[in-house]
């Protein structure tokens, strides 16, 4: 007769053994589910669930052991909710500047329209 204190029958890797009246039962910590053998824990792939935790609009969900990680495609940054992607304005801050015009983005591409026909230079920081 196994009990939790004598010979722990549950997997101690992400597993929890709970004594009950004359017996025991196994459960798993968050991010894990009990395997078919009833004693080991298997990682839950949160990214493959019906309602994935990350925004699929320009977002990427990466499964990890016992959890997940959200990231965004190039040109997007992780939102304050850590589950959605927000458009990055490439013209703001130190990311880019246009010396001969005003920087604008069109379809995530930087453009420097100036008084004369200006194109974005190869160094991607001036017209």
N, C-alpha and C. Protein backbone atom coordinates (compact mmCIF):
# COMPACT_ATOMS: atom_id res chain seq x y z
N UNK A 1 0.85 -1.19 0.00
CA UNK A 1 0.00 0.00 0.00
C UNK A 1 0.88 1.24 0.00
N UNK A 2 0.85 1.98 -1.09
CA UNK A 2 1.64 3.21 -1.19
C UNK A 2 0.94 4.36 -0.49
N UNK A 3 1.74 5.15 0.18
CA UNK A 3 1.25 6.42 0.68
C UNK A 3 2.32 7.45 0.39
N UNK A 4 1.94 8.71 0.40
CA UNK A 4 2.84 9.77 -0.03
C UNK A 4 4.15 9.83 0.74
N UNK A 5 4.14 9.56 2.04
CA UNK A 5 5.35 9.71 2.85
C UNK A 5 6.30 8.54 2.79
N UNK A 6 5.82 7.34 2.51
CA UNK A 6 6.65 6.14 2.55
C UNK A 6 7.40 5.95 1.23
N UNK A 7 6.70 5.66 0.18
CA UNK A 7 7.26 5.51 -1.16
C UNK A 7 6.40 6.34 -2.10
N UNK A 8 6.76 7.59 -2.30
CA UNK A 8 5.91 8.47 -3.11
C UNK A 8 5.62 7.88 -4.49
N UNK A 9 4.37 7.56 -4.77
CA UNK A 9 4.01 6.94 -6.04
C UNK A 9 3.86 7.94 -7.19
N UNK A 10 3.68 9.21 -6.84
CA UNK A 10 3.46 10.22 -7.88
C UNK A 10 4.80 10.74 -8.37
N UNK A 11 4.81 11.17 -9.60
CA UNK A 11 6.01 11.79 -10.15
C UNK A 11 6.29 13.07 -9.39
N UNK A 12 7.49 13.22 -8.88
CA UNK A 12 7.82 14.43 -8.11
C UNK A 12 8.23 15.57 -9.02
N UNK A 13 8.37 15.27 -10.31
CA UNK A 13 8.61 16.35 -11.26
C UNK A 13 7.26 16.92 -11.66
N UNK A 14 6.90 18.04 -11.08
CA UNK A 14 5.63 18.73 -11.32
C UNK A 14 4.41 17.97 -10.82
N UNK A 15 4.63 16.96 -9.99
CA UNK A 15 3.53 16.18 -9.44
C UNK A 15 3.32 16.46 -7.97
N UNK A 16 2.10 16.20 -7.51
CA UNK A 16 1.73 16.40 -6.11
C UNK A 16 1.02 15.14 -5.64
N UNK A 17 1.50 14.59 -4.53
CA UNK A 17 0.87 13.42 -3.93
C UNK A 17 0.08 13.90 -2.71
N UNK A 18 -1.19 13.49 -2.64
CA UNK A 18 -2.04 13.89 -1.52
C UNK A 18 -2.57 12.63 -0.85
N UNK A 19 -2.32 12.52 0.47
CA UNK A 19 -2.84 11.39 1.23
C UNK A 19 -4.35 11.52 1.38
N UNK A 20 -5.04 10.40 1.28
CA UNK A 20 -6.47 10.35 1.57
C UNK A 20 -6.68 9.21 2.55
N UNK A 21 -7.88 8.97 2.99
CA UNK A 21 -8.17 7.96 4.00
C UNK A 21 -7.75 6.57 3.51
N UNK A 22 -6.58 6.11 3.96
CA UNK A 22 -6.08 4.79 3.60
C UNK A 22 -5.53 4.69 2.19
N UNK A 23 -5.37 5.80 1.51
CA UNK A 23 -4.89 5.76 0.14
C UNK A 23 -4.18 7.08 -0.20
N UNK A 24 -4.16 7.41 -1.47
CA UNK A 24 -3.53 8.64 -1.95
C UNK A 24 -4.12 8.97 -3.32
N UNK A 25 -3.84 10.17 -3.78
CA UNK A 25 -4.13 10.51 -5.17
C UNK A 25 -3.07 11.47 -5.67
N UNK A 26 -2.82 11.41 -6.97
CA UNK A 26 -1.81 12.24 -7.61
C UNK A 26 -2.48 13.37 -8.38
N UNK A 27 -1.84 14.52 -8.38
CA UNK A 27 -2.28 15.65 -9.19
C UNK A 27 -1.03 16.37 -9.70
N UNK A 28 -1.23 17.38 -10.51
CA UNK A 28 -0.10 18.09 -11.12
C UNK A 28 -0.19 19.59 -10.85
N UNK A 29 0.96 20.24 -10.90
CA UNK A 29 1.01 21.68 -10.74
C UNK A 29 0.49 22.35 -12.01
N UNK A 30 0.25 23.66 -11.93
CA UNK A 30 -0.29 24.43 -13.06
C UNK A 30 0.61 24.26 -14.29
N UNK A 31 -0.02 24.07 -15.45
CA UNK A 31 0.71 23.91 -16.71
C UNK A 31 0.99 22.46 -17.05
N UNK A 32 0.58 21.55 -16.18
CA UNK A 32 0.81 20.12 -16.37
C UNK A 32 -0.50 19.37 -16.17
N UNK A 33 -0.63 18.20 -16.79
CA UNK A 33 -1.82 17.37 -16.63
C UNK A 33 -1.39 15.94 -16.31
N UNK A 34 -2.23 15.23 -15.59
CA UNK A 34 -1.91 13.86 -15.17
C UNK A 34 -1.90 12.94 -16.38
N UNK A 35 -0.84 12.15 -16.50
CA UNK A 35 -0.70 11.21 -17.61
C UNK A 35 -1.64 10.02 -17.47
N UNK A 36 -1.73 9.20 -18.51
CA UNK A 36 -2.62 8.05 -18.52
C UNK A 36 -2.28 7.04 -17.43
N UNK A 37 -1.00 7.01 -17.01
CA UNK A 37 -0.62 6.06 -15.97
C UNK A 37 -1.08 6.50 -14.58
N UNK A 38 -1.60 7.73 -14.46
CA UNK A 38 -2.14 8.22 -13.20
C UNK A 38 -1.11 8.66 -12.19
N UNK A 39 0.19 8.62 -12.54
CA UNK A 39 1.22 9.02 -11.56
C UNK A 39 2.23 10.03 -12.10
N UNK A 40 2.29 10.22 -13.42
CA UNK A 40 3.25 11.17 -13.97
C UNK A 40 2.52 12.37 -14.58
N UNK A 41 3.22 13.48 -14.67
CA UNK A 41 2.64 14.70 -15.21
C UNK A 41 3.21 14.99 -16.60
N UNK A 42 2.32 15.44 -17.50
CA UNK A 42 2.68 15.74 -18.88
C UNK A 42 2.41 17.22 -19.13
N UNK A 43 3.32 17.87 -19.83
CA UNK A 43 3.18 19.29 -20.15
C UNK A 43 1.93 19.54 -20.97
N UNK A 44 1.19 20.60 -20.63
CA UNK A 44 0.05 21.05 -21.42
C UNK A 44 0.57 22.03 -22.47
N UNK A 45 0.25 21.80 -23.74
CA UNK A 45 0.65 22.73 -24.79
C UNK A 45 -0.43 23.81 -24.90
N UNK A 46 -0.24 24.90 -24.16
CA UNK A 46 -1.21 25.99 -24.14
C UNK A 46 -1.41 26.60 -25.52
N UNK A 47 -0.36 26.58 -26.34
CA UNK A 47 -0.42 27.19 -27.67
C UNK A 47 -1.32 26.41 -28.62
N UNK A 48 -1.56 25.13 -28.35
CA UNK A 48 -2.38 24.29 -29.22
C UNK A 48 -3.83 24.22 -28.75
N UNK A 49 -4.16 24.90 -27.66
CA UNK A 49 -5.53 24.85 -27.14
C UNK A 49 -6.48 25.66 -28.03
N UNK A 50 -7.76 25.41 -27.86
CA UNK A 50 -8.80 26.09 -28.65
C UNK A 50 -8.69 27.60 -28.52
N UNK A 51 -8.46 28.10 -27.32
CA UNK A 51 -8.29 29.54 -27.08
C UNK A 51 -6.86 29.80 -26.64
N UNK A 52 -5.92 29.91 -27.58
CA UNK A 52 -4.51 30.10 -27.20
C UNK A 52 -4.32 31.41 -26.44
N UNK A 53 -3.35 31.44 -25.53
CA UNK A 53 -3.16 32.61 -24.68
C UNK A 53 -2.54 33.81 -25.38
N UNK A 54 -1.93 33.62 -26.53
CA UNK A 54 -1.27 34.73 -27.23
C UNK A 54 -2.13 35.19 -28.40
N UNK A 55 -2.02 36.45 -28.74
CA UNK A 55 -2.74 37.01 -29.89
C UNK A 55 -2.18 36.39 -31.16
N UNK A 56 -3.05 35.87 -32.00
CA UNK A 56 -2.57 35.29 -33.26
C UNK A 56 -2.50 36.34 -34.35
N UNK A 57 -2.93 37.55 -34.06
CA UNK A 57 -2.80 38.64 -35.01
C UNK A 57 -1.42 39.24 -34.82
N UNK A 58 -0.46 38.82 -35.63
CA UNK A 58 0.94 39.25 -35.58
C UNK A 58 1.68 38.74 -34.35
N UNK A 59 1.14 37.75 -33.68
CA UNK A 59 1.77 37.19 -32.50
C UNK A 59 2.22 35.76 -32.71
N UNK A 60 3.10 35.31 -31.84
CA UNK A 60 3.64 33.96 -31.90
C UNK A 60 3.60 33.38 -30.49
N UNK A 61 3.04 32.19 -30.34
CA UNK A 61 3.00 31.50 -29.05
C UNK A 61 4.02 30.38 -29.07
N UNK A 62 4.87 30.31 -28.05
CA UNK A 62 5.87 29.25 -27.95
C UNK A 62 5.63 28.47 -26.65
N UNK A 63 5.37 27.18 -26.79
CA UNK A 63 5.16 26.34 -25.62
C UNK A 63 6.47 26.14 -24.87
N UNK A 64 6.41 26.17 -23.54
CA UNK A 64 7.57 25.88 -22.69
C UNK A 64 7.14 24.82 -21.68
N UNK A 65 8.06 24.24 -20.95
CA UNK A 65 7.71 23.25 -19.94
C UNK A 65 6.88 23.90 -18.84
N UNK A 66 5.61 23.52 -18.76
CA UNK A 66 4.72 24.04 -17.74
C UNK A 66 4.17 25.42 -18.02
N UNK A 67 4.37 25.94 -19.21
CA UNK A 67 3.87 27.28 -19.51
C UNK A 67 3.98 27.61 -20.98
N UNK A 68 4.09 28.90 -21.26
CA UNK A 68 4.18 29.38 -22.64
C UNK A 68 4.85 30.74 -22.63
N UNK A 69 5.25 31.18 -23.82
CA UNK A 69 5.88 32.48 -23.99
C UNK A 69 5.28 33.14 -25.22
N UNK A 70 4.88 34.40 -25.07
CA UNK A 70 4.32 35.16 -26.20
C UNK A 70 5.38 36.09 -26.77
N UNK A 71 5.46 36.15 -28.07
CA UNK A 71 6.34 37.12 -28.73
C UNK A 71 5.61 37.64 -29.97
N UNK A 72 6.19 38.61 -30.63
CA UNK A 72 5.55 39.24 -31.78
C UNK A 72 6.44 39.19 -33.00
N UNK A 73 5.80 39.26 -34.15
CA UNK A 73 6.54 39.32 -35.41
C UNK A 73 7.28 40.65 -35.50
N UNK A 74 8.24 40.74 -36.42
CA UNK A 74 9.02 41.96 -36.62
C UNK A 74 8.07 43.12 -36.94
N UNK A 75 8.31 44.27 -36.33
CA UNK A 75 7.47 45.44 -36.55
C UNK A 75 6.35 45.56 -35.54
N UNK A 76 6.28 44.61 -34.62
CA UNK A 76 5.25 44.60 -33.58
C UNK A 76 5.93 44.39 -32.24
N UNK A 77 5.31 44.86 -31.16
CA UNK A 77 5.87 44.68 -29.83
C UNK A 77 4.78 44.13 -28.91
N UNK A 78 5.19 43.43 -27.87
CA UNK A 78 4.26 42.81 -26.94
C UNK A 78 3.49 43.88 -26.18
N UNK A 79 2.17 43.76 -26.12
CA UNK A 79 1.31 44.72 -25.42
C UNK A 79 1.42 44.58 -23.92
N UNK A 80 0.81 45.51 -23.20
CA UNK A 80 0.86 45.51 -21.74
C UNK A 80 0.22 44.28 -21.13
N UNK A 81 -0.69 43.63 -21.87
CA UNK A 81 -1.35 42.43 -21.36
C UNK A 81 -0.48 41.18 -21.54
N UNK A 82 0.69 41.31 -22.14
CA UNK A 82 1.61 40.20 -22.42
C UNK A 82 0.97 39.11 -23.27
N UNK A 83 -0.09 39.44 -23.99
CA UNK A 83 -0.76 38.45 -24.83
C UNK A 83 -1.25 39.02 -26.16
N UNK A 84 -0.94 40.26 -26.46
CA UNK A 84 -1.33 40.84 -27.74
C UNK A 84 -0.16 41.63 -28.30
N UNK A 85 -0.20 41.88 -29.60
CA UNK A 85 0.88 42.62 -30.26
C UNK A 85 0.39 43.99 -30.69
N UNK A 86 1.24 44.98 -30.47
CA UNK A 86 0.94 46.38 -30.77
C UNK A 86 1.88 46.84 -31.87
N UNK A 87 1.34 47.57 -32.83
CA UNK A 87 2.12 48.08 -33.95
C UNK A 87 3.23 49.01 -33.45
N UNK A 88 4.45 48.82 -33.95
CA UNK A 88 5.57 49.70 -33.63
C UNK A 88 5.63 50.79 -34.69
N UNK A 89 5.67 52.04 -34.27
CA UNK A 89 5.83 53.15 -35.20
C UNK A 89 7.33 53.35 -35.37
N UNK A 90 7.87 52.87 -36.47
CA UNK A 90 9.30 52.90 -36.71
C UNK A 90 9.86 54.32 -36.80
N UNK A 91 9.02 55.32 -36.97
CA UNK A 91 9.48 56.70 -37.10
C UNK A 91 9.68 57.39 -35.75
N UNK A 92 9.17 56.82 -34.68
CA UNK A 92 9.26 57.46 -33.36
C UNK A 92 10.52 57.01 -32.64
N UNK A 93 11.13 57.92 -31.92
CA UNK A 93 12.29 57.60 -31.10
C UNK A 93 13.56 57.49 -31.91
N UNK A 94 14.46 56.68 -31.44
CA UNK A 94 15.77 56.54 -32.07
C UNK A 94 15.81 55.45 -33.13
N UNK A 95 14.65 54.88 -33.45
CA UNK A 95 14.64 53.80 -34.43
C UNK A 95 15.01 54.31 -35.81
N UNK A 96 14.50 55.48 -36.19
CA UNK A 96 14.78 56.02 -37.51
C UNK A 96 14.55 57.52 -37.51
N UNK A 97 15.23 58.22 -38.40
CA UNK A 97 14.97 59.64 -38.61
C UNK A 97 15.21 59.96 -40.08
N UNK A 98 14.47 60.90 -40.58
CA UNK A 98 14.62 61.32 -41.96
C UNK A 98 15.17 62.74 -41.96
N UNK A 99 16.34 62.92 -42.54
CA UNK A 99 16.97 64.24 -42.53
C UNK A 99 16.39 65.18 -43.57
N UNK A 100 15.85 64.65 -44.67
CA UNK A 100 15.34 65.50 -45.75
C UNK A 100 13.83 65.41 -45.91
N UNK A 101 13.14 65.08 -44.88
CA UNK A 101 11.69 64.98 -44.99
C UNK A 101 11.09 64.40 -43.73
N UNK A 102 9.83 64.10 -43.78
CA UNK A 102 9.11 63.54 -42.66
C UNK A 102 9.02 62.03 -42.83
N UNK A 103 9.34 61.31 -41.79
CA UNK A 103 9.29 59.85 -41.84
C UNK A 103 7.84 59.39 -41.72
N UNK A 104 7.44 58.48 -42.59
CA UNK A 104 6.13 57.86 -42.50
C UNK A 104 6.31 56.36 -42.71
N UNK A 105 5.34 55.59 -42.24
CA UNK A 105 5.37 54.15 -42.49
C UNK A 105 4.19 53.78 -43.37
N UNK A 106 4.45 52.96 -44.36
CA UNK A 106 3.42 52.44 -45.25
C UNK A 106 3.62 50.94 -45.30
N UNK A 107 2.63 50.20 -44.83
CA UNK A 107 2.73 48.73 -44.78
C UNK A 107 4.02 48.28 -44.10
N UNK A 108 4.31 48.87 -42.94
CA UNK A 108 5.48 48.53 -42.12
C UNK A 108 6.81 48.88 -42.79
N UNK A 109 6.78 49.67 -43.87
CA UNK A 109 8.00 50.10 -44.55
C UNK A 109 8.20 51.58 -44.30
N UNK A 110 9.44 51.98 -43.99
CA UNK A 110 9.75 53.38 -43.75
C UNK A 110 9.88 54.14 -45.07
N UNK A 111 9.33 55.33 -45.10
CA UNK A 111 9.47 56.20 -46.27
C UNK A 111 9.79 57.60 -45.78
N UNK A 112 10.60 58.32 -46.56
CA UNK A 112 10.98 59.70 -46.24
C UNK A 112 10.55 60.63 -47.36
N UNK A 113 9.27 61.01 -47.40
CA UNK A 113 8.88 61.96 -48.44
C UNK A 113 9.41 63.34 -48.10
N UNK A 114 10.16 63.94 -49.00
CA UNK A 114 10.71 65.28 -48.78
C UNK A 114 10.12 66.26 -49.78
N UNK A 115 10.67 67.46 -49.81
CA UNK A 115 10.19 68.47 -50.75
C UNK A 115 10.46 68.03 -52.18
N UNK A 116 11.61 67.38 -52.36
CA UNK A 116 11.93 66.79 -53.66
C UNK A 116 11.67 65.30 -53.54
N UNK A 117 11.69 64.60 -54.64
CA UNK A 117 11.50 63.16 -54.60
C UNK A 117 12.61 62.53 -53.76
N UNK A 118 12.32 62.19 -52.54
CA UNK A 118 13.31 61.58 -51.66
C UNK A 118 12.97 60.11 -51.46
N UNK A 119 13.98 59.30 -51.44
CA UNK A 119 13.78 57.89 -51.13
C UNK A 119 14.60 57.57 -49.91
N UNK A 120 14.22 56.52 -49.24
CA UNK A 120 14.92 56.13 -48.02
C UNK A 120 16.29 55.58 -48.38
N UNK A 121 17.33 56.14 -47.79
CA UNK A 121 18.71 55.76 -48.12
C UNK A 121 18.99 54.33 -47.67
N UNK A 122 20.05 53.74 -48.23
CA UNK A 122 20.41 52.38 -47.89
C UNK A 122 20.77 52.22 -46.42
N UNK A 123 21.24 53.30 -45.79
CA UNK A 123 21.58 53.18 -44.37
C UNK A 123 20.33 53.17 -43.50
N UNK A 124 19.16 53.35 -44.11
CA UNK A 124 17.86 53.30 -43.46
C UNK A 124 17.67 54.35 -42.38
N UNK A 125 18.50 55.41 -42.37
CA UNK A 125 18.34 56.45 -41.37
C UNK A 125 18.31 57.85 -41.97
N UNK A 126 18.43 57.98 -43.27
CA UNK A 126 18.37 59.31 -43.88
C UNK A 126 17.81 59.19 -45.29
N UNK A 127 17.39 60.35 -45.82
CA UNK A 127 16.83 60.37 -47.17
C UNK A 127 17.91 60.74 -48.17
